Every structure is written in structure tokens, then in C-alpha cells.
Amino acid sequence: MKKTMNNIGELVDSIEYRAQLIGRNQRLISGVRSTRITGILIGFICTLIIVGIPILYYSGGF
């Protein structure tokens, strides 16, 4: 009986761990999806600043 209870306990721990991993993954995906457009816009603006200013400076734009 003790061996069966240990096996059930291990199974419950395994299921709980996997459920936590799935929940964490879903929260991460949800967070990424909700901030996707903002991140793309910030990245585009930073790229324009980092690349555009030197190009304008060395081509005589400034």
C-alpha cells in the first residue's frame, strides 16, 4: 500500500510540475502578444536613430 501511495504522490508531483510549466508558457506567450506592436515600433524607431543619424551626418545632412 505504501508503494502505491508513493507512486501516486510522484504522479501528482509530475502533473503539478507540468501544469505549472504550461501555465508559465501561456502567460509568457500572452505577454509577448500583448506587447508585440509596441515592441516593433520601439525597435523600428531605435533602428532609425542608430542607423539614420550616422547616415545623415556622413552624407552631409546635418
PDB file of N, CA and C in Angstrom:
ATOM      1  N   MET A   1       0.828  -1.200   0.000  1.00  0.00           N
ATOM      2  CA  MET A   1       0.000   0.000   0.000  1.00  0.00           C
ATOM      3  C   MET A   1       0.870   1.260   0.000  1.00  0.00           C
ATOM      4  N   LYS A   2       1.984   1.203   0.766  1.00  0.00           N
ATOM      5  CA  LYS A   2       2.858   2.358   0.853  1.00  0.00           C
ATOM      6  C   LYS A   2       3.500   2.672  -0.510  1.00  0.00           C
ATOM      7  N   LYS A   3       3.859   1.613  -1.245  1.00  0.00           N
ATOM      8  CA  LYS A   3       4.466   1.795  -2.566  1.00  0.00           C
ATOM      9  C   LYS A   3       3.470   2.446  -3.530  1.00  0.00           C
ATOM     10  N   THR A   4       2.224   2.028  -3.466  1.00  0.00           N
ATOM     11  CA  THR A   4       1.186   2.608  -4.317  1.00  0.00           C
ATOM     12  C   THR A   4       0.979   4.080  -4.003  1.00  0.00           C
ATOM     13  N   MET A   5       0.971   4.418  -2.727  1.00  0.00           N
ATOM     14  CA  MET A   5       0.798   5.819  -2.324  1.00  0.00           C
ATOM     15  C   MET A   5       1.983   6.669  -2.781  1.00  0.00           C
ATOM     16  N   ASN A   6       3.197   6.103  -2.695  1.00  0.00           N
ATOM     17  CA  ASN A   6       4.377   6.830  -3.180  1.00  0.00           C
ATOM     18  C   ASN A   6       4.291   7.075  -4.681  1.00  0.00           C
ATOM     19  N   ASN A   7       3.849   6.056  -5.414  1.00  0.00           N
ATOM     20  CA  ASN A   7       3.699   6.209  -6.861  1.00  0.00           C
ATOM     21  C   ASN A   7       2.656   7.269  -7.198  1.00  0.00           C
ATOM     22  N   ILE A   8       1.557   7.279  -6.459  1.00  0.00           N
ATOM     23  CA  ILE A   8       0.518   8.290  -6.684  1.00  0.00           C
ATOM     24  C   ILE A   8       1.063   9.679  -6.364  1.00  0.00           C
ATOM     25  N   GLY A   9       1.836   9.786  -5.282  1.00  0.00           N
ATOM     26  CA  GLY A   9       2.437  11.073  -4.922  1.00  0.00           C
ATOM     27  C   GLY A   9       3.385  11.582  -5.990  1.00  0.00           C
ATOM     28  N   GLU A  10       4.216  10.697  -6.528  1.00  0.00           N
ATOM     29  CA  GLU A  10       5.136  11.080  -7.605  1.00  0.00           C
ATOM     30  C   GLU A  10       4.372  11.515  -8.848  1.00  0.00           C
ATOM     31  N   LEU A  11       3.293  10.806  -9.153  1.00  0.00           N
ATOM     32  CA  LEU A  11       2.473  11.147 -10.318  1.00  0.00           C
ATOM     33  C   LEU A  11       1.828  12.518 -10.140  1.00  0.00           C
ATOM     34  N   VAL A  12       1.325  12.783  -8.950  1.00  0.00           N
ATOM     35  CA  VAL A  12       0.708  14.081  -8.669  1.00  0.00           C
ATOM     36  C   VAL A  12       1.746  15.193  -8.783  1.00  0.00           C
ATOM     37  N   ASP A  13       2.944  14.954  -8.246  1.00  0.00           N
ATOM     38  CA  ASP A  13       4.010  15.960  -8.344  1.00  0.00           C
ATOM     39  C   ASP A  13       4.372  16.224  -9.805  1.00  0.00           C
ATOM     40  N   SER A  14       4.441  15.176 -10.601  1.00  0.00           N
ATOM     41  CA  SER A  14       4.769  15.320 -12.016  1.00  0.00           C
ATOM     42  C   SER A  14       3.686  16.113 -12.750  1.00  0.00           C
ATOM     43  N   ILE A  15       2.444  15.802 -12.475  1.00  0.00           N
ATOM     44  CA  ILE A  15       1.335  16.513 -13.123  1.00  0.00           C
ATOM     45  C   ILE A  15       1.322  17.972 -12.704  1.00  0.00           C
ATOM     46  N   GLU A  16       1.571  18.232 -11.423  1.00  0.00           N
ATOM     47  CA  GLU A  16       1.592  19.609 -10.929  1.00  0.00           C
ATOM     48  C   GLU A  16       2.718  20.407 -11.581  1.00  0.00           C
ATOM     49  N   TYR A  17       3.890  19.800 -11.698  1.00  0.00           N
ATOM     50  CA  TYR A  17       5.027  20.462 -12.329  1.00  0.00           C
ATOM     51  C   TYR A  17       4.733  20.785 -13.789  1.00  0.00           C
ATOM     52  N   ARG A  18       4.177  19.839 -14.505  1.00  0.00           N
ATOM     53  CA  ARG A  18       3.851  20.072 -15.915  1.00  0.00           C
ATOM     54  C   ARG A  18       2.778  21.136 -16.078  1.00  0.00           C
ATOM     55  N   ALA A  19       1.802  21.148 -15.190  1.00  0.00           N
ATOM     56  CA  ALA A  19       0.755  22.165 -15.251  1.00  0.00           C
ATOM     57  C   ALA A  19       1.338  23.556 -14.996  1.00  0.00           C
ATOM     58  N   GLN A  20       2.299  23.644 -14.088  1.00  0.00           N
ATOM     59  CA  GLN A  20       2.949  24.924 -13.842  1.00  0.00           C
ATOM     60  C   GLN A  20       3.750  25.384 -15.054  1.00  0.00           C
ATOM     61  N   LEU A  21       4.432  24.445 -15.713  1.00  0.00           N
ATOM     62  CA  LEU A  21       5.185  24.797 -16.923  1.00  0.00           C
ATOM     63  C   LEU A  21       4.251  25.293 -18.031  1.00  0.00           C
ATOM     64  N   ILE A  22       3.142  24.616 -18.211  1.00  0.00           N
ATOM     65  CA  ILE A  22       2.180  25.021 -19.241  1.00  0.00           C
ATOM     66  C   ILE A  22       1.613  26.390 -18.908  1.00  0.00           C
ATOM     67  N   GLY A  23       1.267  26.615 -17.641  1.00  0.00           N
ATOM     68  CA  GLY A  23       0.735  27.917 -17.233  1.00  0.00           C
ATOM     69  C   GLY A  23       1.738  29.031 -17.430  1.00  0.00           C
ATOM     70  N   ARG A  24       2.992  28.783 -17.079  1.00  0.00           N
ATOM     71  CA  ARG A  24       4.040  29.789 -17.262  1.00  0.00           C
ATOM     72  C   ARG A  24       4.224  30.103 -18.746  1.00  0.00           C
ATOM     73  N   ASN A  25       4.213  29.073 -19.563  1.00  0.00           N
ATOM     74  CA  ASN A  25       4.377  29.265 -21.004  1.00  0.00           C
ATOM     75  C   ASN A  25       3.218  30.091 -21.575  1.00  0.00           C
ATOM     76  N   GLN A  26       2.014  29.800 -21.148  1.00  0.00           N
ATOM     77  CA  GLN A  26       0.850  30.539 -21.651  1.00  0.00           C
ATOM     78  C   GLN A  26       0.888  32.002 -21.212  1.00  0.00           C
ATOM     79  N   ARG A  27       1.308  32.261 -19.971  1.00  0.00           N
ATOM     80  CA  ARG A  27       1.429  33.656 -19.510  1.00  0.00           C
ATOM     81  C   ARG A  27       2.497  34.395 -20.305  1.00  0.00           C
ATOM     82  N   LEU A  28       3.609  33.730 -20.589  1.00  0.00           N
ATOM     83  CA  LEU A  28       4.669  34.347 -21.374  1.00  0.00           C
ATOM     84  C   LEU A  28       4.190  34.676 -22.785  1.00  0.00           C
ATOM     85  N   ILE A  29       3.525  33.744 -23.427  1.00  0.00           N
ATOM     86  CA  ILE A  29       3.006  33.971 -24.776  1.00  0.00           C
ATOM     87  C   ILE A  29       1.992  35.109 -24.778  1.00  0.00           C
ATOM     88  N   SER A  30       1.138  35.151 -23.779  1.00  0.00           N
ATOM     89  CA  SER A  30       0.137  36.211 -23.684  1.00  0.00           C
ATOM     90  C   SER A  30       0.802  37.572 -23.530  1.00  0.00           C
ATOM     91  N   GLY A  31       1.835  37.644 -22.693  1.00  0.00           N
ATOM     92  CA  GLY A  31       2.557  38.903 -22.506  1.00  0.00           C
ATOM     93  C   GLY A  31       3.256  39.356 -23.772  1.00  0.00           C
ATOM     94  N   VAL A  32       3.851  38.429 -24.485  1.00  0.00           N
ATOM     95  CA  VAL A  32       4.545  38.778 -25.729  1.00  0.00           C
ATOM     96  C   VAL A  32       3.543  39.268 -26.773  1.00  0.00           C
ATOM     97  N   ARG A  33       2.418  38.602 -26.869  1.00  0.00           N
ATOM     98  CA  ARG A  33       1.409  39.005 -27.856  1.00  0.00           C
ATOM     99  C   ARG A  33       0.831  40.377 -27.538  1.00  0.00           C
ATOM    100  N   SER A  34       0.658  40.689 -26.255  1.00  0.00           N
ATOM    101  CA  SER A  34       0.040  41.967 -25.892  1.00  0.00           C
ATOM    102  C   SER A  34       0.981  43.139 -26.102  1.00  0.00           C
ATOM    103  N   THR A  35       2.296  42.899 -26.112  1.00  0.00           N
ATOM    104  CA  THR A  35       3.252  43.993 -26.286  1.00  0.00           C
ATOM    105  C   THR A  35       3.980  43.932 -27.623  1.00  0.00           C
ATOM    106  N   ARG A  36       3.485  43.126 -28.535  1.00  0.00           N
ATOM    107  CA  ARG A  36       4.174  42.916 -29.809  1.00  0.00           C
ATOM    108  C   ARG A  36       4.270  44.196 -30.641  1.00  0.00           C
ATOM    109  N   ILE A  37       3.168  44.906 -30.828  1.00  0.00           N
ATOM    110  CA  ILE A  37       3.157  46.094 -31.673  1.00  0.00           C
ATOM    111  C   ILE A  37       4.028  47.186 -31.061  1.00  0.00           C
ATOM    112  N   THR A  38       3.937  47.367 -29.746  1.00  0.00           N
ATOM    113  CA  THR A  38       4.752  48.369 -29.073  1.00  0.00           C
ATOM    114  C   THR A  38       6.237  48.054 -29.247  1.00  0.00           C
ATOM    115  N   GLY A  39       6.600  46.807 -29.095  1.00  0.00           N
ATOM    116  CA  GLY A  39       7.996  46.399 -29.252  1.00  0.00           C
ATOM    117  C   GLY A  39       8.504  46.613 -30.665  1.00  0.00           C
ATOM    118  N   ILE A  40       7.680  46.316 -31.642  1.00  0.00           N
ATOM    119  CA  ILE A  40       8.074  46.522 -33.033  1.00  0.00           C
ATOM    120  C   ILE A  40       8.291  48.008 -33.304  1.00  0.00           C
ATOM    121  N   LEU A  41       7.387  48.849 -32.819  1.00  0.00           N
ATOM    122  CA  LEU A  41       7.522  50.294 -33.035  1.00  0.00           C
ATOM    123  C   LEU A  41       8.761  50.847 -32.345  1.00  0.00           C
ATOM    124  N   ILE A  42       9.009  50.440 -31.109  1.00  0.00           N
ATOM    125  CA  ILE A  42      10.197  50.914 -30.398  1.00  0.00           C
ATOM    126  C   ILE A  42      11.462  50.447 -31.109  1.00  0.00           C
ATOM    127  N   GLY A  43      11.485  49.214 -31.566  1.00  0.00           N
ATOM    128  CA  GLY A  43      12.645  48.703 -32.300  1.00  0.00           C
ATOM    129  C   GLY A  43      12.872  49.448 -33.603  1.00  0.00           C
ATOM    130  N   PHE A  44      11.798  49.756 -34.303  1.00  0.00           N
ATOM    131  CA  PHE A  44      11.921  50.489 -35.568  1.00  0.00           C
ATOM    132  C   PHE A  44      12.465  51.894 -35.326  1.00  0.00           C
ATOM    133  N   ILE A  45      11.946  52.564 -34.316  1.00  0.00           N
ATOM    134  CA  ILE A  45      12.416  53.918 -34.002  1.00  0.00           C
ATOM    135  C   ILE A  45      13.878  53.894 -33.564  1.00  0.00           C
ATOM    136  N   CYS A  46      14.252  52.940 -32.726  1.00  0.00           N
ATOM    137  CA  CYS A  46      15.655  52.836 -32.304  1.00  0.00           C
ATOM    138  C   CYS A  46      16.569  52.546 -33.483  1.00  0.00           C
ATOM    139  N   THR A  47      16.119  51.712 -34.391  1.00  0.00           N
ATOM    140  CA  THR A  47      16.920  51.420 -35.580  1.00  0.00           C
ATOM    141  C   THR A  47      17.097  52.659 -36.439  1.00  0.00           C
ATOM    142  N   LEU A  48      16.031  53.422 -36.609  1.00  0.00           N
ATOM    143  CA  LEU A  48      16.159  54.662 -37.373  1.00  0.00           C
ATOM    144  C   LEU A  48      17.143  55.622 -36.722  1.00  0.00           C
ATOM    145  N   ILE A  49      17.107  55.701 -35.410  1.00  0.00           N
ATOM    146  CA  ILE A  49      18.032  56.599 -34.714  1.00  0.00           C
ATOM    147  C   ILE A  49      19.464  56.109 -34.845  1.00  0.00           C
ATOM    148  N   ILE A  50      19.678  54.826 -34.585  1.00  0.00           N
ATOM    149  CA  ILE A  50      21.040  54.287 -34.598  1.00  0.00           C
ATOM    150  C   ILE A  50      21.630  54.275 -36.001  1.00  0.00           C
ATOM    151  N   VAL A  51      20.834  53.991 -37.012  1.00  0.00           N
ATOM    152  CA  VAL A  51      21.341  53.904 -38.379  1.00  0.00           C
ATOM    153  C   VAL A  51      21.156  55.224 -39.126  1.00  0.00           C
ATOM    154  N   GLY A  52      20.032  55.874 -38.914  1.00  0.00           N
ATOM    155  CA  GLY A  52      19.714  57.067 -39.694  1.00  0.00           C
ATOM    156  C   GLY A  52      20.563  58.278 -39.372  1.00  0.00           C
ATOM    157  N   ILE A  53      20.844  58.507 -38.110  1.00  0.00           N
ATOM    158  CA  ILE A  53      21.630  59.691 -37.737  1.00  0.00           C
ATOM    159  C   ILE A  53      23.043  59.622 -38.317  1.00  0.00           C
ATOM    160  N   PRO A  54      23.773  58.513 -38.195  1.00  0.00           N
ATOM    161  CA  PRO A  54      25.100  58.475 -38.831  1.00  0.00           C
ATOM    162  C   PRO A  54      25.040  58.626 -40.356  1.00  0.00           C
ATOM    163  N   ILE A  55      24.042  58.059 -40.980  1.00  0.00           N
ATOM    164  CA  ILE A  55      23.925  58.195 -42.434  1.00  0.00           C
ATOM    165  C   ILE A  55      23.705  59.655 -42.810  1.00  0.00           C
ATOM    166  N   LEU A  56      22.803  60.333 -42.107  1.00  0.00           N
ATOM    167  CA  LEU A  56      22.574  61.752 -42.381  1.00  0.00           C
ATOM    168  C   LEU A  56      23.803  62.591 -42.068  1.00  0.00           C
ATOM    169  N   TYR A  57      24.494  62.268 -41.010  1.00  0.00           N
ATOM    170  CA  TYR A  57      25.675  63.038 -40.611  1.00  0.00           C
ATOM    171  C   TYR A  57      26.788  62.905 -41.648  1.00  0.00           C
ATOM    172  N   TYR A  58      27.067  61.695 -42.089  1.00  0.00           N
ATOM    173  CA  TYR A  58      28.178  61.481 -43.033  1.00  0.00           C
ATOM    174  C   TYR A  58      27.818  61.805 -44.465  1.00  0.00           C
ATOM    175  N   SER A  59      26.531  61.902 -44.773  1.00  0.00           N
ATOM    176  CA  SER A  59      26.163  62.291 -46.137  1.00  0.00           C
ATOM    177  C   SER A  59      25.986  63.799 -46.244  1.00  0.00           C
ATOM    178  N   GLY A  60      26.200  64.520 -45.169  1.00  0.00           N
ATOM    179  CA  GLY A  60      26.105  65.981 -45.211  1.00  0.00           C
ATOM    180  C   GLY A  60      24.737  66.495 -44.877  1.00  0.00           C
ATOM    181  N   GLY A  61      23.861  65.684 -44.331  1.00  0.00           N
ATOM    182  CA  GLY A  61      22.515  66.111 -43.991  1.00  0.00           C
ATOM    183  C   GLY A  61      22.463  67.013 -42.800  1.00  0.00           C
ATOM    184  N   PHE A  62      23.416  66.879 -41.877  1.00  0.00           N
ATOM    185  CA  PHE A  62      23.439  67.738 -40.683  1.00  0.00           C
ATOM    186  C   PHE A  62      24.472  68.810 -40.810  1.00  0.00           C
TER     187      PHE A  62
END
